[in-house]
């Protein structure tokens, strides 16, 4: 039985921020969830071309006109829980950067309203 996934509209910056925030180590179950999330969040060949994405060292550049363009990303329940826990952890440690506030509001504040 497949778990129902939630579709979330994410901008380029949101996806990059989430990819960078994901845990780099953990137990087997967590790492499988991270792997699935990375597969969902990473950019396809078509998106790389469409958005004009260029990766240079630790910098990522894209066509400015595409900054607000969103893409529907399907994320399973475990992935949603992991993203929320990760972002809430950053918030509790006072390490949530301003540029991630929108992503935090999307994943954490919407979950609290449900």
C-alpha atoms as a PDB file:
ATOM      1  CA  UNK A   1       0.000   0.000   0.000  1.00  0.00           C
ATOM      2  CA  UNK A   2       1.491   3.328  -1.088  1.00  0.00           C
ATOM      3  CA  UNK A   3       1.434   6.197   1.343  1.00  0.00           C
ATOM      4  CA  UNK A   4      -0.377   9.315   0.209  1.00  0.00           C
ATOM      5  CA  UNK A   5       1.971  12.148  -0.658  1.00  0.00           C
ATOM      6  CA  UNK A   6       1.325  15.829  -0.122  1.00  0.00           C
ATOM      7  CA  UNK A   7       2.058  18.167  -3.003  1.00  0.00           C
ATOM      8  CA  UNK A   8       3.843  21.355  -1.977  1.00  0.00           C
ATOM      9  CA  UNK A   9       4.551  24.282  -4.328  1.00  0.00           C
ATOM     10  CA  UNK A  10       8.219  25.239  -3.905  1.00  0.00           C
ATOM     11  CA  UNK A  11      10.424  27.915  -5.458  1.00  0.00           C
ATOM     12  CA  UNK A  12      14.015  27.280  -6.552  1.00  0.00           C
ATOM     13  CA  UNK A  13      15.414  28.862  -3.381  1.00  0.00           C
ATOM     14  CA  UNK A  14      13.054  26.803  -1.183  1.00  0.00           C
ATOM     15  CA  UNK A  15      14.286  23.571  -2.723  1.00  0.00           C
ATOM     16  CA  UNK A  16      17.945  24.518  -2.375  1.00  0.00           C
ATOM     17  CA  UNK A  17      17.454  25.587   1.248  1.00  0.00           C
ATOM     18  CA  UNK A  18      15.680  22.342   2.111  1.00  0.00           C
ATOM     19  CA  UNK A  19      18.354  20.253   0.405  1.00  0.00           C
ATOM     20  CA  UNK A  20      21.016  22.058   2.436  1.00  0.00           C
ATOM     21  CA  UNK A  21      19.083  21.724   5.710  1.00  0.00           C
ATOM     22  CA  UNK A  22      18.475  17.964   5.516  1.00  0.00           C
ATOM     23  CA  UNK A  23      20.302  15.844   8.102  1.00  0.00           C
ATOM     24  CA  UNK A  24      23.580  14.369   6.862  1.00  0.00           C
ATOM     25  CA  UNK A  25      23.585  11.473   9.294  1.00  0.00           C
ATOM     26  CA  UNK A  26      21.100   9.476  11.319  1.00  0.00           C
ATOM     27  CA  UNK A  27      19.600   6.027  11.592  1.00  0.00           C
ATOM     28  CA  UNK A  28      18.760   3.869   8.566  1.00  0.00           C
ATOM     29  CA  UNK A  29      15.099   4.894   8.495  1.00  0.00           C
ATOM     30  CA  UNK A  30      15.950   8.586   8.625  1.00  0.00           C
ATOM     31  CA  UNK A  31      18.578   8.278   5.907  1.00  0.00           C
ATOM     32  CA  UNK A  32      16.106   6.473   3.622  1.00  0.00           C
ATOM     33  CA  UNK A  33      13.670   9.340   4.174  1.00  0.00           C
ATOM     34  CA  UNK A  34      16.451  11.853   3.431  1.00  0.00           C
ATOM     35  CA  UNK A  35      17.309   9.954   0.241  1.00  0.00           C
ATOM     36  CA  UNK A  36      13.661  10.051  -0.887  1.00  0.00           C
ATOM     37  CA  UNK A  37      13.408  13.758  -0.074  1.00  0.00           C
ATOM     38  CA  UNK A  38      16.577  14.526  -2.005  1.00  0.00           C
ATOM     39  CA  UNK A  39      15.204  12.686  -5.032  1.00  0.00           C
ATOM     40  CA  UNK A  40      12.012  14.771  -4.843  1.00  0.00           C
ATOM     41  CA  UNK A  41      13.770  18.105  -4.264  1.00  0.00           C
ATOM     42  CA  UNK A  42      16.652  17.776  -6.736  1.00  0.00           C
ATOM     43  CA  UNK A  43      16.321  19.448 -10.117  1.00  0.00           C
ATOM     44  CA  UNK A  44      15.572  17.549 -13.307  1.00  0.00           C
ATOM     45  CA  UNK A  45      17.508  18.156 -16.533  1.00  0.00           C
ATOM     46  CA  UNK A  46      14.491  20.050 -17.876  1.00  0.00           C
ATOM     47  CA  UNK A  47      14.353  22.280 -14.782  1.00  0.00           C
ATOM     48  CA  UNK A  48      18.083  23.010 -14.962  1.00  0.00           C
ATOM     49  CA  UNK A  49      17.584  24.312 -18.480  1.00  0.00           C
ATOM     50  CA  UNK A  50      14.236  26.058 -17.840  1.00  0.00           C
ATOM     51  CA  UNK A  51      15.499  27.950 -14.776  1.00  0.00           C
ATOM     52  CA  UNK A  52      19.005  28.555 -16.165  1.00  0.00           C
ATOM     53  CA  UNK A  53      20.507  26.943 -13.045  1.00  0.00           C
ATOM     54  CA  UNK A  54      24.281  27.085 -12.747  1.00  0.00           C
ATOM     55  CA  UNK A  55      26.237  25.542  -9.884  1.00  0.00           C
ATOM     56  CA  UNK A  56      29.620  27.112  -9.202  1.00  0.00           C
ATOM     57  CA  UNK A  57      31.305  25.789  -6.072  1.00  0.00           C
ATOM     58  CA  UNK A  58      28.903  26.486  -3.208  1.00  0.00           C
ATOM     59  CA  UNK A  59      27.008  29.129  -5.198  1.00  0.00           C
ATOM     60  CA  UNK A  60      23.854  28.527  -7.213  1.00  0.00           C
ATOM     61  CA  UNK A  61      22.616  31.000  -9.802  1.00  0.00           C
ATOM     62  CA  UNK A  62      19.442  31.026 -11.852  1.00  0.00           C
ATOM     63  CA  UNK A  63      17.542  33.306 -14.199  1.00  0.00           C
ATOM     64  CA  UNK A  64      16.150  36.089 -11.964  1.00  0.00           C
ATOM     65  CA  UNK A  65      12.816  36.084 -13.804  1.00  0.00           C
ATOM     66  CA  UNK A  66      12.292  32.490 -12.620  1.00  0.00           C
ATOM     67  CA  UNK A  67      12.805  33.255  -8.897  1.00  0.00           C
ATOM     68  CA  UNK A  68       9.115  33.140  -7.981  1.00  0.00           C
ATOM     69  CA  UNK A  69       8.261  30.241 -10.299  1.00  0.00           C
ATOM     70  CA  UNK A  70       7.037  27.268  -8.273  1.00  0.00           C
ATOM     71  CA  UNK A  71       7.087  23.562  -8.988  1.00  0.00           C
ATOM     72  CA  UNK A  72       4.767  21.018  -7.379  1.00  0.00           C
ATOM     73  CA  UNK A  73       6.839  18.614  -5.270  1.00  0.00           C
ATOM     74  CA  UNK A  74       5.268  15.454  -3.835  1.00  0.00           C
ATOM     75  CA  UNK A  75       6.477  14.637  -0.321  1.00  0.00           C
ATOM     76  CA  UNK A  76       5.426  11.633   1.739  1.00  0.00           C
ATOM     77  CA  UNK A  77       4.350  11.746   5.405  1.00  0.00           C
ATOM     78  CA  UNK A  78       7.777  10.741   6.728  1.00  0.00           C
ATOM     79  CA  UNK A  79       9.450  13.383   4.579  1.00  0.00           C
ATOM     80  CA  UNK A  80       7.026  16.063   5.768  1.00  0.00           C
ATOM     81  CA  UNK A  81       7.654  15.079   9.382  1.00  0.00           C
ATOM     82  CA  UNK A  82      11.432  15.147   8.882  1.00  0.00           C
ATOM     83  CA  UNK A  83      11.345  18.565   7.196  1.00  0.00           C
ATOM     84  CA  UNK A  84       9.159  19.958   9.995  1.00  0.00           C
ATOM     85  CA  UNK A  85      11.394  18.480  12.711  1.00  0.00           C
ATOM     86  CA  UNK A  86      14.526  19.825  11.016  1.00  0.00           C
ATOM     87  CA  UNK A  87      13.125  23.342  10.631  1.00  0.00           C
ATOM     88  CA  UNK A  88      11.647  23.375  14.142  1.00  0.00           C
ATOM     89  CA  UNK A  89      15.036  22.252  15.474  1.00  0.00           C
ATOM     90  CA  UNK A  90      16.724  25.192  13.753  1.00  0.00           C
ATOM     91  CA  UNK A  91      14.111  27.526  15.206  1.00  0.00           C
ATOM     92  CA  UNK A  92      14.490  26.167  18.747  1.00  0.00           C
ATOM     93  CA  UNK A  93      18.290  26.526  18.543  1.00  0.00           C
ATOM     94  CA  UNK A  94      17.872  30.110  17.260  1.00  0.00           C
ATOM     95  CA  UNK A  95      19.635  29.064  14.028  1.00  0.00           C
ATOM     96  CA  UNK A  96      16.795  29.620  11.556  1.00  0.00           C
ATOM     97  CA  UNK A  97      18.118  32.033   8.901  1.00  0.00           C
ATOM     98  CA  UNK A  98      15.854  34.824   7.688  1.00  0.00           C
ATOM     99  CA  UNK A  99      15.896  33.486   4.121  1.00  0.00           C
ATOM    100  CA  UNK A 100      14.347  30.211   5.385  1.00  0.00           C
ATOM    101  CA  UNK A 101      11.450  31.903   7.193  1.00  0.00           C
ATOM    102  CA  UNK A 102       9.077  31.326   4.266  1.00  0.00           C
ATOM    103  CA  UNK A 103       9.924  27.619   4.129  1.00  0.00           C
ATOM    104  CA  UNK A 104       9.491  27.383   7.919  1.00  0.00           C
ATOM    105  CA  UNK A 105       6.070  29.027   7.684  1.00  0.00           C
ATOM    106  CA  UNK A 106       5.052  26.721   4.854  1.00  0.00           C
ATOM    107  CA  UNK A 107       5.992  23.472   6.589  1.00  0.00           C
ATOM    108  CA  UNK A 108       5.704  24.243  10.296  1.00  0.00           C
ATOM    109  CA  UNK A 109       2.971  26.818  10.679  1.00  0.00           C
ATOM    110  CA  UNK A 110       0.623  25.103   8.207  1.00  0.00           C
ATOM    111  CA  UNK A 111       1.116  21.816  10.054  1.00  0.00           C
ATOM    112  CA  UNK A 112       0.208  23.540  13.338  1.00  0.00           C
ATOM    113  CA  UNK A 113      -3.015  24.884  11.793  1.00  0.00           C
ATOM    114  CA  UNK A 114      -4.205  21.427  10.674  1.00  0.00           C
END
